[in-house]
Amino acid sequence: MRSRRLLVVPTLVIGALVAQAGLAAPAHAAGVRYAAPAGSGTACTSVAPCSLATAVNTATSSTEVVVASGTYEMGTTALVNAQAGLNVHGVVGQPRPTINTSASTGLELKGTGVKVADLSINHTGALFGLNVFTTGISVQRVAVSSTAPVACFLGYSGLARDSLCATNAAGGVAVDDSWGSSGSVTNGALTLRNLTAIATGPGSFGLRAGAGDFANIDVDVRNVIASGTQADVRAYRGTTSSDSDVVLQNSNFDLVSTTGTGVTVSAAASATNQTAAPVWADAGFHQALGSPTIDRGATDASVGTTDIDGGARKVGLATDIGADEFVPDTTPPDAVFDRTVKRKTHKHRALFVFHASEPSTFSCVLDKRPVAPCSSPFKVKVKKRGRHTLQVFATDAVGLVDPTPATWTWKVRKKKRHRHHGAHHHG
């Protein structure tokens, strides 16, 4: 087992990969349907939203399902629909709805031309986190963290961009486009832009494309981070009548695994592709300062205008690689006192407690003494009576310094002497 990167994914449960089954949804009037965490009934209107399962599972073709922000606790209730043209999405500009589900598949839409956008799926089931295995798909700004062997099973054709797919299942695949011939579909053309595909389980793959008998797969990849412990990119073919081509540009990966003659995968170390490990700021796979993926992507007609969080896709010199667009920190920290000495005191010793608005280091200046590193709590000892001033400067991780240091001025006064008068006795 190999591991190029030490990555953090929420604790996952290993599941088994089994065959898919498309389930048709019951008939319901098409149009726009609204779901809310506390929704109920079957009206599914903006005034009377229904549950997410009702909104999705009973929708007919070309229905738009608007998912309000909040957390949806689905348990084992499946979200499954095979109607064509469904459009299931959160509300742009609002926090992504979070779907917590232990169903075998977190969200399965298998009708042609389906769309999924602006959702977070936390999946602890056994099959797929997100399954849109069909033609003409559109997946945008979706974050999938799954226990399943496949986090995101994408379709024969269409576009997926600005999304995160992560799994730590043994033998897992973060983004999968593997299939044999299926009825009349023998040729697939899938476009991937600005995906972060992370698989951390043993024997796992970041991106996989496989062609079975009589199937031809073309995957056009740009600005994608792919990471797996077995290989970052895996491509294979079944028979001499099948073909798998994965063309990667401006992407981050290193180890490629291929099986079968005629399989084509772009080289990891090339003029545009990079192999250096990304630098992550958090478990959500947002880039940190210094990541090689910053400003190393490219723009074409398929690249989106926003990243996974809805921020501008291009910030800086060029588009970034991966789902997240790094935004430089331009806000300095702010140091604040939590505990101080009284404004007037007789004591020559004082204790100060302080913090900053973000993780920072501190430096202190007492009166006219030189600037010196300090930490909270900070003990002060002054010899002279009179006025004294302490300034605390905060410096954040990127070197920005608080322009308005926390400042405290106090006065050490002379202690008053108490006279004792003896009693006078007259004889």
Protein backbone atom coordinates (compact mmCIF):
# COMPACT_ATOMS: atom_id res chain seq x y z
CA MET A 1 0.00 0.00 0.00
CA ARG A 2 1.27 3.44 -0.85
CA SER A 3 0.25 6.81 0.45
CA ARG A 4 1.37 10.05 -1.14
CA ARG A 5 -0.45 12.28 1.33
CA LEU A 6 -1.54 12.16 4.93
CA LEU A 7 -5.13 13.33 4.63
CA VAL A 8 -7.99 13.63 7.08
CA VAL A 9 -11.44 12.29 6.20
CA PRO A 10 -14.24 11.86 8.74
CA THR A 11 -14.41 8.35 10.21
CA LEU A 12 -15.92 6.05 7.62
CA VAL A 13 -17.36 2.56 7.65
CA ILE A 14 -16.29 0.06 5.00
CA GLY A 15 -19.09 -1.18 2.73
CA ALA A 16 -19.30 -3.70 -0.09
CA LEU A 17 -19.77 -2.75 -3.74
CA VAL A 18 -22.77 -4.47 -5.33
CA ALA A 19 -24.78 -4.04 -8.52
CA GLN A 20 -26.91 -0.94 -9.04
CA ALA A 21 -30.66 -0.98 -9.48
CA GLY A 22 -32.59 1.91 -10.99
CA LEU A 23 -35.92 2.61 -9.29
CA ALA A 24 -38.68 4.54 -10.98
CA ALA A 25 -40.38 7.28 -8.98
CA PRO A 26 -44.15 7.41 -8.56
CA ALA A 27 -45.98 9.98 -10.62
CA HIS A 28 -46.30 13.50 -9.24
CA ALA A 29 -46.88 16.83 -10.91
CA ALA A 30 -43.72 18.34 -12.40
CA GLY A 31 -42.61 21.88 -11.62
CA VAL A 32 -40.75 23.23 -8.59
CA ARG A 33 -40.83 21.38 -5.28
CA TYR A 34 -39.48 22.60 -1.95
CA ALA A 35 -37.93 20.52 0.83
CA ALA A 36 -37.03 21.62 4.35
CA PRO A 37 -35.53 19.78 7.35
CA ALA A 38 -38.85 19.99 9.22
CA GLY A 39 -40.98 19.66 6.08
CA SER A 40 -44.02 17.40 6.02
CA GLY A 41 -47.03 16.53 3.94
CA THR A 42 -47.12 16.33 0.16
CA ALA A 43 -47.71 19.92 -0.94
CA CYS A 44 -43.96 20.60 -1.36
CA THR A 45 -44.52 24.30 -1.91
CA SER A 46 -42.40 27.21 -0.73
CA VAL A 47 -45.04 27.95 1.93
CA ALA A 48 -45.57 24.31 2.91
CA PRO A 49 -42.34 22.43 2.14
CA CYS A 50 -42.26 18.66 2.38
CA SER A 51 -39.58 16.24 3.55
CA LEU A 52 -36.56 15.67 1.34
CA ALA A 53 -37.55 12.07 0.65
CA THR A 54 -41.01 13.15 -0.48
CA ALA A 55 -39.66 15.96 -2.62
CA VAL A 56 -37.11 13.78 -4.40
CA ASN A 57 -38.60 10.32 -4.54
CA THR A 58 -42.04 11.27 -5.91
CA ALA A 59 -40.92 13.88 -8.43
CA THR A 60 -41.61 13.36 -12.12
CA SER A 61 -39.40 14.25 -15.05
CA SER A 62 -38.05 17.79 -15.39
CA THR A 63 -38.90 18.64 -11.79
CA GLU A 64 -36.77 21.12 -9.86
CA VAL A 65 -36.27 20.25 -6.18
CA VAL A 66 -35.14 23.20 -4.06
CA VAL A 67 -33.48 22.02 -0.84
CA ALA A 68 -33.49 24.58 1.97
CA SER A 69 -30.40 25.02 4.15
CA GLY A 70 -30.19 22.91 7.26
CA THR A 71 -29.48 19.32 8.27
CA TYR A 72 -31.50 16.39 6.93
CA GLU A 73 -31.30 13.24 9.04
CA MET A 74 -32.32 10.55 6.56
CA GLY A 75 -31.35 7.41 8.47
CA THR A 76 -31.78 4.47 6.10
CA THR A 77 -34.43 6.23 3.99
CA ALA A 78 -33.13 6.24 0.42
CA LEU A 79 -33.23 9.22 -1.94
CA VAL A 80 -33.79 7.54 -5.29
CA ASN A 81 -35.37 8.65 -8.55
CA ALA A 82 -34.92 7.51 -12.17
CA GLN A 83 -36.91 10.26 -13.88
CA ALA A 84 -35.21 12.35 -16.58
CA GLY A 85 -34.25 15.97 -16.14
CA LEU A 86 -34.48 16.21 -12.35
CA ASN A 87 -32.68 19.19 -10.85
CA VAL A 88 -31.94 18.77 -7.12
CA HIS A 89 -30.08 21.66 -5.54
CA GLY A 90 -29.53 23.89 -2.54
CA VAL A 91 -29.99 27.64 -2.70
CA VAL A 92 -27.08 29.58 -4.17
CA GLY A 93 -25.66 32.06 -1.68
CA GLN A 94 -26.94 30.13 1.35
CA PRO A 95 -25.12 27.43 3.35
CA ARG A 96 -25.16 24.05 1.61
CA PRO A 97 -27.83 21.72 3.00
CA THR A 98 -26.28 18.73 4.79
CA ILE A 99 -27.75 15.29 4.12
CA ASN A 100 -26.77 12.69 6.74
CA THR A 101 -27.69 9.26 5.44
CA SER A 102 -26.94 5.61 6.12
CA ALA A 103 -28.93 4.32 3.12
CA SER A 104 -27.02 2.07 0.72
CA THR A 105 -26.76 5.00 -1.69
CA GLY A 106 -26.90 8.56 -0.36
CA LEU A 107 -28.51 10.15 -3.43
CA GLU A 108 -29.30 8.28 -6.63
CA LEU A 109 -30.61 10.06 -9.73
CA LYS A 110 -30.43 7.92 -12.87
CA GLY A 111 -32.63 9.66 -15.41
CA THR A 112 -30.96 11.33 -18.37
CA GLY A 113 -29.94 14.96 -17.98
CA VAL A 114 -30.13 15.08 -14.18
CA LYS A 115 -28.56 17.94 -12.22
CA VAL A 116 -27.23 18.09 -8.67
CA ALA A 117 -25.79 21.23 -7.10
CA ASP A 118 -24.96 22.91 -3.79
CA LEU A 119 -25.39 19.93 -1.46
CA SER A 120 -23.30 18.21 1.22
CA ILE A 121 -23.75 14.46 1.62
CA ASN A 122 -22.38 12.61 4.65
CA HIS A 123 -22.89 8.96 3.79
CA THR A 124 -22.32 5.83 5.89
CA GLY A 125 -23.95 3.31 3.55
CA ALA A 126 -22.59 0.39 1.55
CA LEU A 127 -22.81 1.36 -2.13
CA PHE A 128 -22.44 4.94 -3.41
CA GLY A 129 -22.39 8.34 -1.78
CA LEU A 130 -23.69 10.00 -4.95
CA ASN A 131 -24.86 7.98 -7.95
CA VAL A 132 -25.72 9.87 -11.14
CA PHE A 133 -24.79 7.12 -13.56
CA THR A 134 -26.58 8.31 -16.66
CA THR A 135 -26.06 10.52 -19.71
CA GLY A 136 -25.86 14.31 -19.78
CA ILE A 137 -25.24 14.80 -16.06
CA SER A 138 -24.44 18.10 -14.33
CA VAL A 139 -22.82 18.07 -10.87
CA GLN A 140 -21.70 21.35 -9.31
CA ARG A 141 -20.54 22.47 -5.85
CA VAL A 142 -21.32 19.14 -4.17
CA ALA A 143 -19.35 17.78 -1.20
CA VAL A 144 -19.60 14.01 -0.69
CA SER A 145 -17.97 12.20 2.23
CA SER A 146 -18.85 8.53 2.02
CA THR A 147 -18.14 5.18 3.62
CA ALA A 148 -18.93 3.47 0.36
CA PRO A 149 -16.48 1.85 -2.04
CA VAL A 150 -17.44 4.65 -4.46
CA ALA A 151 -17.97 8.19 -3.19
CA CYS A 152 -19.16 9.66 -6.51
CA PHE A 153 -20.30 7.42 -9.35
CA LEU A 154 -20.57 9.73 -12.34
CA GLY A 155 -22.31 9.17 -15.62
CA TYR A 156 -21.58 8.09 -19.12
CA SER A 157 -21.43 11.71 -20.17
CA GLY A 158 -21.80 15.25 -18.92
CA LEU A 159 -19.94 17.64 -16.64
CA ALA A 160 -18.89 17.52 -12.98
CA ARG A 161 -17.02 20.44 -11.44
CA ASP A 162 -16.18 22.39 -8.28
CA SER A 163 -16.94 19.39 -6.06
CA LEU A 164 -15.36 17.16 -3.42
CA CYS A 165 -15.63 13.36 -3.39
CA ALA A 166 -13.97 11.52 -0.49
CA THR A 167 -13.97 7.97 0.87
CA ASN A 168 -11.72 5.86 3.07
CA ALA A 169 -13.24 2.49 2.28
CA ALA A 170 -10.80 -0.31 1.58
CA GLY A 171 -10.41 -0.55 -2.18
CA GLY A 172 -12.51 2.61 -2.48
CA VAL A 173 -12.77 5.00 -5.40
CA ALA A 174 -13.39 8.71 -4.89
CA VAL A 175 -14.60 9.46 -8.44
CA ASP A 176 -15.60 6.54 -10.66
CA ASP A 177 -16.53 6.31 -14.34
CA SER A 178 -16.25 2.58 -14.94
CA TRP A 179 -18.74 0.55 -16.92
CA GLY A 180 -19.34 -1.87 -19.76
CA SER A 181 -21.78 -1.48 -22.62
CA SER A 182 -25.30 -0.78 -21.45
CA GLY A 183 -28.02 -1.06 -24.02
CA SER A 184 -27.49 1.58 -26.66
CA VAL A 185 -24.81 3.42 -24.65
CA THR A 186 -21.41 2.26 -25.83
CA ASN A 187 -19.52 5.57 -25.89
CA GLY A 188 -19.00 7.90 -22.94
CA ALA A 189 -17.54 11.39 -22.77
CA LEU A 190 -17.23 12.81 -19.26
CA THR A 191 -15.78 16.23 -18.46
CA LEU A 192 -14.25 16.89 -15.03
CA ARG A 193 -13.21 20.35 -13.85
CA ASN A 194 -11.88 21.41 -10.44
CA LEU A 195 -12.70 18.25 -8.54
CA THR A 196 -10.97 17.08 -5.38
CA ALA A 197 -11.05 13.28 -5.40
CA ILE A 198 -9.62 11.76 -2.21
CA ALA A 199 -9.52 8.05 -1.32
CA THR A 200 -7.59 7.13 1.82
CA GLY A 201 -8.46 3.47 2.45
CA PRO A 202 -5.96 0.71 1.65
CA GLY A 203 -5.87 -0.24 -2.03
CA SER A 204 -7.89 2.81 -3.07
CA PHE A 205 -8.01 5.10 -6.12
CA GLY A 206 -8.67 8.82 -6.49
CA LEU A 207 -10.03 8.68 -10.05
CA ARG A 208 -10.95 5.53 -11.96
CA ALA A 209 -12.11 5.05 -15.54
CA GLY A 210 -12.73 1.55 -16.84
CA ALA A 211 -14.25 0.24 -20.05
CA GLY A 212 -15.86 -3.19 -20.14
CA ASP A 213 -16.81 -5.11 -23.26
CA PHE A 214 -17.60 -2.96 -26.28
CA ALA A 215 -17.47 0.32 -24.34
CA ASN A 216 -15.38 3.38 -25.11
CA ILE A 217 -14.69 5.93 -22.39
CA ASP A 218 -13.15 9.38 -22.80
CA VAL A 219 -12.58 11.44 -19.66
CA ASP A 220 -11.46 15.04 -20.10
CA VAL A 221 -9.83 16.17 -16.84
CA ARG A 222 -8.58 19.63 -15.91
CA ASN A 223 -7.76 21.32 -12.60
CA VAL A 224 -8.40 18.09 -10.64
CA ILE A 225 -6.70 16.78 -7.50
CA ALA A 226 -6.71 12.96 -7.45
CA SER A 227 -5.28 10.98 -4.54
CA GLY A 228 -5.46 7.30 -3.66
CA THR A 229 -3.30 4.88 -1.69
CA GLN A 230 -3.01 2.33 -4.51
CA ALA A 231 -2.94 4.84 -7.36
CA ASP A 232 -4.14 8.37 -7.90
CA VAL A 233 -5.50 7.62 -11.38
CA ARG A 234 -6.59 4.16 -12.55
CA ALA A 235 -7.65 3.25 -16.12
CA TYR A 236 -8.38 -0.13 -17.67
CA ARG A 237 -10.09 -1.83 -20.59
CA GLY A 238 -11.96 -5.09 -20.83
CA THR A 239 -11.54 -6.49 -24.35
CA THR A 240 -9.84 -5.38 -27.54
CA SER A 241 -13.18 -3.89 -28.53
CA SER A 242 -13.14 -1.45 -25.62
CA ASP A 243 -11.11 1.68 -24.97
CA SER A 244 -10.31 3.98 -22.01
CA ASP A 245 -8.72 7.39 -22.50
CA VAL A 246 -8.10 9.77 -19.60
CA VAL A 247 -6.59 13.11 -20.58
CA LEU A 248 -5.41 15.15 -17.60
CA GLN A 249 -4.24 18.76 -17.80
CA ASN A 250 -3.28 21.18 -15.02
CA SER A 251 -4.02 18.48 -12.46
CA ASN A 252 -2.38 17.16 -9.29
CA PHE A 253 -1.58 13.42 -9.11
CA ASP A 254 1.46 11.19 -9.29
CA LEU A 255 0.96 7.43 -9.58
CA VAL A 256 -1.00 6.04 -12.55
CA SER A 257 -2.22 2.44 -12.85
CA THR A 258 -3.32 0.96 -16.21
CA THR A 259 -4.47 -2.47 -17.35
CA GLY A 260 -4.92 -3.57 -20.95
CA THR A 261 -3.34 -2.50 -24.21
CA GLY A 262 -4.40 0.77 -25.76
CA VAL A 263 -5.29 2.46 -22.47
CA THR A 264 -4.21 6.12 -22.55
CA VAL A 265 -3.55 8.23 -19.44
CA SER A 266 -1.67 11.51 -19.35
CA ALA A 267 1.70 11.54 -17.60
CA ALA A 268 1.77 12.83 -14.04
CA ALA A 269 4.96 14.84 -14.44
CA SER A 270 4.33 16.99 -17.48
CA ALA A 271 4.33 20.60 -18.56
CA THR A 272 1.03 21.25 -16.78
CA ASN A 273 0.43 18.36 -14.35
CA GLN A 274 2.08 18.38 -10.92
CA THR A 275 3.03 15.69 -8.40
CA ALA A 276 3.86 17.70 -5.27
CA ALA A 277 1.41 17.03 -2.44
CA PRO A 278 -1.28 19.65 -1.82
CA VAL A 279 -1.23 21.46 1.50
CA TRP A 280 -4.53 21.34 3.34
CA ALA A 281 -5.87 23.85 5.83
CA ASP A 282 -8.54 21.54 7.27
CA ALA A 283 -10.33 18.21 6.99
CA GLY A 284 -12.62 19.75 4.37
CA PHE A 285 -9.69 19.89 1.93
CA HIS A 286 -9.46 23.63 1.64
CA GLN A 287 -6.02 24.71 0.47
CA ALA A 288 -3.54 26.28 2.83
CA LEU A 289 -0.98 28.93 2.07
CA GLY A 290 1.94 27.37 0.23
CA SER A 291 -0.02 24.62 -1.52
CA PRO A 292 1.39 23.93 -5.01
CA THR A 293 -2.16 23.81 -6.36
CA ILE A 294 -2.71 27.55 -5.89
CA ASP A 295 -2.76 29.53 -9.16
CA ARG A 296 -1.74 26.47 -11.19
CA GLY A 297 -4.98 25.66 -12.94
CA ALA A 298 -6.27 26.81 -16.31
CA THR A 299 -9.52 28.19 -17.63
CA ASP A 300 -11.62 26.93 -20.52
CA ALA A 301 -15.29 26.93 -21.48
CA SER A 302 -16.09 24.13 -19.01
CA VAL A 303 -14.50 25.74 -15.94
CA GLY A 304 -17.06 27.21 -13.55
CA THR A 305 -17.23 30.74 -12.21
CA THR A 306 -17.39 29.76 -8.50
CA ASP A 307 -15.62 27.23 -6.29
CA ILE A 308 -17.24 24.62 -4.05
CA ASP A 309 -18.15 27.24 -1.44
CA GLY A 310 -19.61 29.70 -3.93
CA GLY A 311 -16.59 32.02 -3.90
CA ALA A 312 -15.00 33.38 -7.05
CA ARG A 313 -13.30 30.68 -9.05
CA LYS A 314 -10.31 32.79 -10.00
CA VAL A 315 -8.57 34.63 -7.17
CA GLY A 316 -5.02 35.70 -7.87
CA LEU A 317 -2.94 35.05 -10.95
CA ALA A 318 -4.83 32.00 -12.22
CA THR A 319 -7.48 29.41 -11.40
CA ASP A 320 -6.50 26.97 -8.65
CA ILE A 321 -6.42 23.18 -8.94
CA GLY A 322 -9.12 21.35 -6.98
CA ALA A 323 -12.58 22.18 -5.70
CA ASP A 324 -11.45 25.02 -3.44
CA GLU A 325 -10.14 28.41 -4.56
CA PHE A 326 -7.60 29.77 -2.11
CA VAL A 327 -8.37 33.28 -0.84
CA PRO A 328 -5.38 35.08 0.68
CA ASP A 329 -5.83 36.30 4.24
CA THR A 330 -5.89 40.10 4.17
CA THR A 331 -7.51 40.65 7.57
CA PRO A 332 -5.05 41.27 10.41
CA PRO A 333 -5.75 39.75 13.81
CA ASP A 334 -7.16 41.78 16.68
CA ALA A 335 -5.67 41.43 20.17
CA VAL A 336 -8.05 41.85 23.11
CA PHE A 337 -7.50 41.90 26.87
CA ASP A 338 -9.49 39.42 28.95
CA ARG A 339 -7.99 40.41 32.30
CA THR A 340 -6.08 43.53 33.36
CA VAL A 341 -4.84 45.34 36.43
CA LYS A 342 -7.01 48.10 37.92
CA ARG A 343 -6.52 51.58 36.51
CA LYS A 344 -5.21 52.69 39.91
CA THR A 345 -3.39 50.34 42.22
CA HIS A 346 -0.75 50.19 44.93
CA LYS A 347 0.69 46.94 43.56
CA HIS A 348 3.88 46.79 41.51
CA ARG A 349 2.98 43.39 40.04
CA ALA A 350 0.19 42.77 37.55
CA LEU A 351 -1.22 39.86 35.55
CA PHE A 352 -2.67 40.31 32.04
CA VAL A 353 -4.69 37.75 30.08
CA PHE A 354 -5.37 38.30 26.38
CA HIS A 355 -6.34 36.57 23.12
CA ALA A 356 -6.60 37.34 19.41
CA SER A 357 -9.42 37.04 16.91
CA GLU A 358 -7.54 34.22 15.13
CA PRO A 359 -4.61 31.91 15.93
CA SER A 360 -1.63 34.22 16.48
CA THR A 361 1.66 34.78 18.19
CA PHE A 362 2.13 37.81 20.47
CA SER A 363 4.70 40.45 21.25
CA CYS A 364 4.52 42.92 24.14
CA VAL A 365 5.85 46.40 24.83
CA LEU A 366 5.92 47.65 28.42
CA ASP A 367 6.48 51.38 28.67
CA LYS A 368 9.65 52.16 26.70
CA ARG A 369 11.18 48.71 26.96
CA PRO A 370 12.09 46.85 23.72
CA VAL A 371 9.47 44.73 21.97
CA ALA A 372 9.65 41.12 23.19
CA PRO A 373 7.74 37.89 22.48
CA CYS A 374 5.10 37.13 25.06
CA SER A 375 2.18 34.83 25.74
CA SER A 376 -0.97 34.84 27.79
CA PRO A 377 -1.11 34.99 30.77
CA PHE A 378 1.61 37.67 30.97
CA LYS A 379 3.10 38.80 34.29
CA VAL A 380 4.36 42.38 34.68
CA LYS A 381 6.59 43.85 37.38
CA VAL A 382 7.30 47.58 37.54
CA LYS A 383 9.62 49.27 40.01
CA LYS A 384 8.57 52.88 39.78
CA ARG A 385 5.35 54.45 40.85
CA GLY A 386 3.34 56.42 38.34
CA ARG A 387 1.80 55.69 34.95
CA HIS A 388 2.62 52.52 32.98
CA THR A 389 1.43 51.24 29.61
CA LEU A 390 1.35 47.72 28.15
CA GLN A 391 0.80 47.11 24.44
CA VAL A 392 0.08 43.63 23.02
CA PHE A 393 0.57 42.99 19.30
CA ALA A 394 -0.88 39.88 17.57
CA THR A 395 0.66 38.36 14.42
CA ASP A 396 -1.30 35.75 12.47
CA ALA A 397 -0.07 32.72 10.52
CA VAL A 398 0.55 34.68 7.32
CA GLY A 399 2.43 37.46 9.09
CA LEU A 400 -0.28 40.09 9.34
CA VAL A 401 0.16 42.28 12.44
CA ASP A 402 -2.60 43.88 14.48
CA PRO A 403 -2.48 47.61 13.53
CA THR A 404 -4.31 48.54 16.72
CA PRO A 405 -2.59 46.66 19.54
CA ALA A 406 -4.42 46.01 22.77
CA THR A 407 -3.32 48.84 25.07
CA TRP A 408 -3.74 49.25 28.83
CA THR A 409 -2.56 52.16 30.94
CA TRP A 410 -2.60 52.16 34.75
CA LYS A 411 -1.09 54.08 37.65
CA VAL A 412 0.85 52.71 40.59
CA ARG A 413 0.16 54.96 43.55
CA LYS A 414 2.08 55.47 46.76
CA LYS A 415 0.63 53.65 49.69
CA LYS A 416 -0.87 55.90 52.32
CA ARG A 417 0.59 55.70 55.78
CA HIS A 418 -1.85 55.41 58.66
CA ARG A 419 -0.93 57.39 61.85
CA HIS A 420 -1.71 55.85 65.19
CA HIS A 421 -2.54 58.38 67.96
CA GLY A 422 -2.07 57.23 71.51
CA ALA A 423 -4.64 58.18 74.19
CA HIS A 424 -3.81 61.11 76.54
CA HIS A 425 -4.66 60.61 80.14
CA HIS A 426 -4.93 63.51 82.51
CA GLY A 427 -4.24 62.82 86.13
